[in-house]
Amino acid sequence: NFCVSTSLFLQAVLNLMDPTCSDPSTLTGEVTNQTDVLEKAQQSNNTAIMIQVCRLRIYLLYLFGLDELAGELVESLMENFSIKRPFPNSGVVSTTFLTGLVA
């Protein structure tokens, strides 16, 4: 999990730094492949990784001005994982920020 988690964060940073990135909100590139990570996480029922992918994508969408899509992803995540708060056990700032996107 640590290696997968680290690769997701690294890919998010690389997406932010690459002006030629066609879709910076998708965590696919030099370090990792979002589709593969999500497939493996679903097969092993690793909800922590699935939530982490969504959370990073939400931040990237917000940073690139795609607030509406970020809000839709928050709502979808809350529905799919039956979460009353966007991310259980996450910091107050993250939860408040992400909840504000769908307000």
C-alpha atoms as a PDB file:
ATOM      1  CA  ASN A   1       0.000   0.000   0.000  1.00  0.00           C
ATOM      2  CA  PHE A   2       2.783   2.437   0.827  1.00  0.00           C
ATOM      3  CA  CYS A   3       4.375   2.106  -2.620  1.00  0.00           C
ATOM      4  CA  VAL A   4       1.026   2.492  -4.377  1.00  0.00           C
ATOM      5  CA  SER A   5       0.128   5.478  -2.225  1.00  0.00           C
ATOM      6  CA  THR A   6       3.476   7.141  -2.839  1.00  0.00           C
ATOM      7  CA  SER A   7       3.264   6.568  -6.592  1.00  0.00           C
ATOM      8  CA  LEU A   8      -0.186   8.183  -6.686  1.00  0.00           C
ATOM      9  CA  PHE A   9       1.075  11.312  -4.922  1.00  0.00           C
ATOM     10  CA  LEU A  10       4.147  11.448  -7.142  1.00  0.00           C
ATOM     11  CA  GLN A  11       2.026  11.154 -10.286  1.00  0.00           C
ATOM     12  CA  ALA A  12      -0.229  13.971  -9.049  1.00  0.00           C
ATOM     13  CA  VAL A  13       2.828  16.200  -8.571  1.00  0.00           C
ATOM     14  CA  LEU A  14       4.188  15.264 -12.006  1.00  0.00           C
ATOM     15  CA  ASN A  15       0.806  16.138 -13.535  1.00  0.00           C
ATOM     16  CA  LEU A  16       0.970  19.552 -11.879  1.00  0.00           C
ATOM     17  CA  MET A  17       4.474  20.173 -13.213  1.00  0.00           C
ATOM     18  CA  ASP A  18       3.862  19.029 -16.802  1.00  0.00           C
ATOM     19  CA  PRO A  19       2.284  21.766 -18.964  1.00  0.00           C
ATOM     20  CA  THR A  20       1.787  19.253 -21.811  1.00  0.00           C
ATOM     21  CA  CYS A  21      -0.275  16.817 -19.703  1.00  0.00           C
ATOM     22  CA  SER A  22      -3.502  16.252 -21.647  1.00  0.00           C
ATOM     23  CA  ASP A  23      -5.610  15.363 -18.575  1.00  0.00           C
ATOM     24  CA  PRO A  24      -3.912  16.404 -15.340  1.00  0.00           C
ATOM     25  CA  SER A  25      -6.747  15.024 -13.202  1.00  0.00           C
ATOM     26  CA  THR A  26      -6.070  11.458 -14.331  1.00  0.00           C
ATOM     27  CA  LEU A  27      -3.330   9.751 -12.333  1.00  0.00           C
ATOM     28  CA  THR A  28      -1.734   8.044 -15.306  1.00  0.00           C
ATOM     29  CA  GLY A  29       1.734   8.793 -16.574  1.00  0.00           C
ATOM     30  CA  GLU A  30       5.394   8.101 -15.887  1.00  0.00           C
ATOM     31  CA  VAL A  31       4.899   6.595 -12.443  1.00  0.00           C
ATOM     32  CA  THR A  32       1.512   4.916 -12.289  1.00  0.00           C
ATOM     33  CA  ASN A  33      -1.639   4.024 -14.186  1.00  0.00           C
ATOM     34  CA  GLN A  34      -4.908   5.037 -12.537  1.00  0.00           C
ATOM     35  CA  THR A  35      -6.961   2.318 -14.264  1.00  0.00           C
ATOM     36  CA  ASP A  36      -4.589  -0.459 -13.162  1.00  0.00           C
ATOM     37  CA  VAL A  37      -4.414   0.857  -9.604  1.00  0.00           C
ATOM     38  CA  LEU A  38      -8.211   1.023  -9.328  1.00  0.00           C
ATOM     39  CA  GLU A  39      -8.664  -2.465 -10.808  1.00  0.00           C
ATOM     40  CA  LYS A  40      -6.196  -3.976  -8.323  1.00  0.00           C
ATOM     41  CA  ALA A  41      -7.767  -2.039  -5.448  1.00  0.00           C
ATOM     42  CA  GLN A  42     -11.236  -3.310  -6.394  1.00  0.00           C
ATOM     43  CA  GLN A  43     -10.008  -6.896  -6.704  1.00  0.00           C
ATOM     44  CA  SER A  44      -8.426  -6.750  -3.243  1.00  0.00           C
ATOM     45  CA  ASN A  45     -11.272  -4.657  -1.787  1.00  0.00           C
ATOM     46  CA  ASN A  46      -8.800  -1.929  -0.829  1.00  0.00           C
ATOM     47  CA  THR A  47     -11.129   1.006  -0.282  1.00  0.00           C
ATOM     48  CA  ALA A  48      -8.333   3.175   1.144  1.00  0.00           C
ATOM     49  CA  ILE A  49      -6.543   3.256  -2.215  1.00  0.00           C
ATOM     50  CA  MET A  50      -9.803   3.830  -4.113  1.00  0.00           C
ATOM     51  CA  ILE A  51     -10.620   6.783  -1.869  1.00  0.00           C
ATOM     52  CA  GLN A  52      -7.083   8.136  -2.164  1.00  0.00           C
ATOM     53  CA  VAL A  53      -7.287   8.097  -5.976  1.00  0.00           C
ATOM     54  CA  CYS A  54     -10.565  10.008  -5.810  1.00  0.00           C
ATOM     55  CA  ARG A  55      -9.243  12.504  -3.288  1.00  0.00           C
ATOM     56  CA  LEU A  56      -6.151  13.293  -5.342  1.00  0.00           C
ATOM     57  CA  ARG A  57      -8.244  13.627  -8.485  1.00  0.00           C
ATOM     58  CA  ILE A  58     -10.597  16.015  -6.678  1.00  0.00           C
ATOM     59  CA  TYR A  59      -7.694  18.227  -5.626  1.00  0.00           C
ATOM     60  CA  LEU A  60      -6.303  18.235  -9.167  1.00  0.00           C
ATOM     61  CA  LEU A  61      -9.706  19.023 -10.674  1.00  0.00           C
ATOM     62  CA  TYR A  62     -10.095  21.914  -8.260  1.00  0.00           C
ATOM     63  CA  LEU A  63      -6.612  23.261  -8.979  1.00  0.00           C
ATOM     64  CA  PHE A  64      -7.320  23.226 -12.716  1.00  0.00           C
ATOM     65  CA  GLY A  65     -10.616  25.068 -12.273  1.00  0.00           C
ATOM     66  CA  LEU A  66     -12.910  22.109 -12.881  1.00  0.00           C
ATOM     67  CA  ASP A  67     -14.955  22.693  -9.725  1.00  0.00           C
ATOM     68  CA  GLU A  68     -18.179  21.200 -11.036  1.00  0.00           C
ATOM     69  CA  LEU A  69     -16.512  17.928 -12.000  1.00  0.00           C
ATOM     70  CA  ALA A  70     -14.696  17.858  -8.638  1.00  0.00           C
ATOM     71  CA  GLY A  71     -18.032  18.286  -6.870  1.00  0.00           C
ATOM     72  CA  GLU A  72     -19.569  15.475  -8.893  1.00  0.00           C
ATOM     73  CA  LEU A  73     -16.680  13.207  -7.947  1.00  0.00           C
ATOM     74  CA  VAL A  74     -17.158  14.042  -4.235  1.00  0.00           C
ATOM     75  CA  GLU A  75     -20.874  13.231  -4.461  1.00  0.00           C
ATOM     76  CA  SER A  76     -20.178  10.001  -6.338  1.00  0.00           C
ATOM     77  CA  LEU A  77     -17.572   8.972  -3.790  1.00  0.00           C
ATOM     78  CA  MET A  78     -19.934   9.657  -0.896  1.00  0.00           C
ATOM     79  CA  GLU A  79     -22.643   7.574  -2.591  1.00  0.00           C
ATOM     80  CA  ASN A  80     -20.436   4.664  -3.630  1.00  0.00           C
ATOM     81  CA  PHE A  81     -18.855   4.265  -0.209  1.00  0.00           C
ATOM     82  CA  SER A  82     -21.946   5.234   1.823  1.00  0.00           C
ATOM     83  CA  ILE A  83     -19.935   7.946   3.516  1.00  0.00           C
ATOM     84  CA  LYS A  84     -21.692  10.668   5.466  1.00  0.00           C
ATOM     85  CA  ARG A  85     -18.504  12.723   5.513  1.00  0.00           C
ATOM     86  CA  PRO A  86     -16.378  12.796   2.357  1.00  0.00           C
ATOM     87  CA  PHE A  87     -13.407  10.977   3.904  1.00  0.00           C
ATOM     88  CA  PRO A  88     -13.566   9.268   7.275  1.00  0.00           C
ATOM     89  CA  ASN A  89     -10.446   9.609   9.430  1.00  0.00           C
ATOM     90  CA  SER A  90      -9.120  12.415   7.262  1.00  0.00           C
ATOM     91  CA  GLY A  91      -8.049  15.804   8.480  1.00  0.00           C
ATOM     92  CA  VAL A  92     -10.594  18.485   9.190  1.00  0.00           C
ATOM     93  CA  VAL A  93      -9.186  20.768   6.490  1.00  0.00           C
ATOM     94  CA  SER A  94      -9.492  18.137   3.741  1.00  0.00           C
ATOM     95  CA  THR A  95     -13.016  17.209   4.776  1.00  0.00           C
ATOM     96  CA  THR A  96     -14.152  20.819   5.037  1.00  0.00           C
ATOM     97  CA  PHE A  97     -12.585  21.735   1.685  1.00  0.00           C
ATOM     98  CA  LEU A  98     -14.087  18.814  -0.183  1.00  0.00           C
ATOM     99  CA  THR A  99     -17.514  19.220   1.413  1.00  0.00           C
ATOM    100  CA  GLY A 100     -17.440  22.879   0.365  1.00  0.00           C
ATOM    101  CA  LEU A 101     -17.047  21.863  -3.269  1.00  0.00           C
ATOM    102  CA  VAL A 102     -20.481  20.254  -3.322  1.00  0.00           C
ATOM    103  CA  ALA A 103     -22.220  22.977  -1.309  1.00  0.00           C
END
